[in-house]
């Protein structure tokens, strides 16, 4: 009986890629929920040295937060429209 070495290949979890996809979806749908998740996944991806996709995840999440009407209403930016009506 031969003792063949067992090779265990660990697939890296692509946090940056998942954050990028969730951030891109978060620009259009459910931004208050998906944008913070994309930021968290982007930060985890940066610590895992997935720099390129993680930076895009954070950029997409910031765009999603800035264009979200719900978040704008929560921080009071919707009041700025009233004097112009």
C-alpha atoms as a PDB file:
ATOM      1  CA  UNK A   1       0.000   0.000   0.000  1.00  0.00           C
ATOM      2  CA  UNK A   2       1.452   3.352  -1.008  1.00  0.00           C
ATOM      3  CA  UNK A   3       1.090   6.482   1.027  1.00  0.00           C
ATOM      4  CA  UNK A   4       0.116   9.081  -1.531  1.00  0.00           C
ATOM      5  CA  UNK A   5       0.201  12.641  -0.255  1.00  0.00           C
ATOM      6  CA  UNK A   6      -3.162  14.295   0.106  1.00  0.00           C
ATOM      7  CA  UNK A   7      -3.307  17.748  -1.423  1.00  0.00           C
ATOM      8  CA  UNK A   8      -5.979  20.057  -0.057  1.00  0.00           C
ATOM      9  CA  UNK A   9      -6.641  23.021  -2.295  1.00  0.00           C
ATOM     10  CA  UNK A  10      -8.399  25.880  -0.568  1.00  0.00           C
ATOM     11  CA  UNK A  11     -10.499  28.050  -2.825  1.00  0.00           C
ATOM     12  CA  UNK A  12     -10.185  31.670  -1.801  1.00  0.00           C
ATOM     13  CA  UNK A  13     -13.425  33.440  -1.066  1.00  0.00           C
ATOM     14  CA  UNK A  14     -13.699  36.427  -3.338  1.00  0.00           C
ATOM     15  CA  UNK A  15     -14.994  39.058  -0.956  1.00  0.00           C
ATOM     16  CA  UNK A  16     -14.054  41.886  -3.304  1.00  0.00           C
ATOM     17  CA  UNK A  17     -15.940  40.385  -6.217  1.00  0.00           C
ATOM     18  CA  UNK A  18     -19.065  39.729  -4.123  1.00  0.00           C
ATOM     19  CA  UNK A  19     -18.849  43.242  -2.695  1.00  0.00           C
ATOM     20  CA  UNK A  20     -18.535  44.676  -6.184  1.00  0.00           C
ATOM     21  CA  UNK A  21     -21.612  42.808  -7.406  1.00  0.00           C
ATOM     22  CA  UNK A  22     -23.671  43.694  -4.339  1.00  0.00           C
ATOM     23  CA  UNK A  23     -22.540  47.325  -4.556  1.00  0.00           C
ATOM     24  CA  UNK A  24     -23.517  47.510  -8.220  1.00  0.00           C
ATOM     25  CA  UNK A  25     -26.948  46.062  -7.481  1.00  0.00           C
ATOM     26  CA  UNK A  26     -27.194  48.408  -4.478  1.00  0.00           C
ATOM     27  CA  UNK A  27     -26.963  51.439  -6.753  1.00  0.00           C
ATOM     28  CA  UNK A  28     -30.327  50.514  -8.278  1.00  0.00           C
ATOM     29  CA  UNK A  29     -32.202  48.423  -5.687  1.00  0.00           C
ATOM     30  CA  UNK A  30     -32.354  48.304  -1.858  1.00  0.00           C
ATOM     31  CA  UNK A  31     -29.479  50.684  -1.354  1.00  0.00           C
ATOM     32  CA  UNK A  32     -29.882  51.133   2.432  1.00  0.00           C
ATOM     33  CA  UNK A  33     -29.399  47.383   2.872  1.00  0.00           C
ATOM     34  CA  UNK A  34     -26.966  46.443   0.121  1.00  0.00           C
ATOM     35  CA  UNK A  35     -24.546  49.396   0.232  1.00  0.00           C
ATOM     36  CA  UNK A  36     -23.361  48.786   3.829  1.00  0.00           C
ATOM     37  CA  UNK A  37     -22.934  45.095   3.007  1.00  0.00           C
ATOM     38  CA  UNK A  38     -20.820  46.047  -0.015  1.00  0.00           C
ATOM     39  CA  UNK A  39     -18.657  48.326   2.143  1.00  0.00           C
ATOM     40  CA  UNK A  40     -18.101  45.550   4.677  1.00  0.00           C
ATOM     41  CA  UNK A  41     -17.228  43.021   1.963  1.00  0.00           C
ATOM     42  CA  UNK A  42     -14.951  45.578   0.298  1.00  0.00           C
ATOM     43  CA  UNK A  43     -13.058  46.184   3.535  1.00  0.00           C
ATOM     44  CA  UNK A  44     -12.687  42.453   4.170  1.00  0.00           C
ATOM     45  CA  UNK A  45     -11.457  42.058   0.589  1.00  0.00           C
ATOM     46  CA  UNK A  46      -8.847  44.772   1.074  1.00  0.00           C
ATOM     47  CA  UNK A  47      -7.530  42.986   4.157  1.00  0.00           C
ATOM     48  CA  UNK A  48      -7.425  39.754   2.089  1.00  0.00           C
ATOM     49  CA  UNK A  49      -5.358  41.624  -0.569  1.00  0.00           C
ATOM     50  CA  UNK A  50      -8.104  41.676  -3.202  1.00  0.00           C
ATOM     51  CA  UNK A  51      -7.437  45.352  -3.791  1.00  0.00           C
ATOM     52  CA  UNK A  52      -8.846  46.006  -7.274  1.00  0.00           C
ATOM     53  CA  UNK A  53     -12.310  44.518  -6.913  1.00  0.00           C
ATOM     54  CA  UNK A  54     -12.591  45.672  -3.290  1.00  0.00           C
ATOM     55  CA  UNK A  55     -11.994  49.292  -4.250  1.00  0.00           C
ATOM     56  CA  UNK A  56     -14.716  49.029  -6.877  1.00  0.00           C
ATOM     57  CA  UNK A  57     -17.022  47.530  -4.237  1.00  0.00           C
ATOM     58  CA  UNK A  58     -16.435  50.501  -1.943  1.00  0.00           C
ATOM     59  CA  UNK A  59     -16.866  52.984  -4.818  1.00  0.00           C
ATOM     60  CA  UNK A  60     -20.151  51.358  -5.900  1.00  0.00           C
ATOM     61  CA  UNK A  61     -21.361  51.335  -2.299  1.00  0.00           C
ATOM     62  CA  UNK A  62     -20.587  55.038  -1.882  1.00  0.00           C
ATOM     63  CA  UNK A  63     -22.420  55.832  -5.129  1.00  0.00           C
ATOM     64  CA  UNK A  64     -25.371  53.746  -3.909  1.00  0.00           C
ATOM     65  CA  UNK A  65     -25.454  55.625  -0.609  1.00  0.00           C
ATOM     66  CA  UNK A  66     -25.205  59.036  -2.263  1.00  0.00           C
ATOM     67  CA  UNK A  67     -28.010  58.327  -4.726  1.00  0.00           C
ATOM     68  CA  UNK A  68     -30.414  56.642  -2.314  1.00  0.00           C
ATOM     69  CA  UNK A  69     -33.544  58.711  -1.655  1.00  0.00           C
ATOM     70  CA  UNK A  70     -34.218  56.856   1.604  1.00  0.00           C
ATOM     71  CA  UNK A  71     -30.797  57.681   3.028  1.00  0.00           C
ATOM     72  CA  UNK A  72     -31.109  61.272   1.779  1.00  0.00           C
ATOM     73  CA  UNK A  73     -34.399  61.546   3.663  1.00  0.00           C
ATOM     74  CA  UNK A  74     -32.879  60.098   6.825  1.00  0.00           C
ATOM     75  CA  UNK A  75     -30.070  62.655   6.915  1.00  0.00           C
ATOM     76  CA  UNK A  76     -32.364  65.554   6.002  1.00  0.00           C
ATOM     77  CA  UNK A  77     -31.373  66.315   2.423  1.00  0.00           C
ATOM     78  CA  UNK A  78     -34.961  66.054   1.240  1.00  0.00           C
ATOM     79  CA  UNK A  79     -35.745  69.328   3.040  1.00  0.00           C
ATOM     80  CA  UNK A  80     -33.511  71.235   0.628  1.00  0.00           C
ATOM     81  CA  UNK A  81     -36.048  70.809  -2.187  1.00  0.00           C
ATOM     82  CA  UNK A  82     -38.925  72.636  -0.464  1.00  0.00           C
ATOM     83  CA  UNK A  83     -37.721  76.260  -1.035  1.00  0.00           C
ATOM     84  CA  UNK A  84     -37.391  75.639  -4.768  1.00  0.00           C
ATOM     85  CA  UNK A  85     -41.015  74.531  -5.258  1.00  0.00           C
END
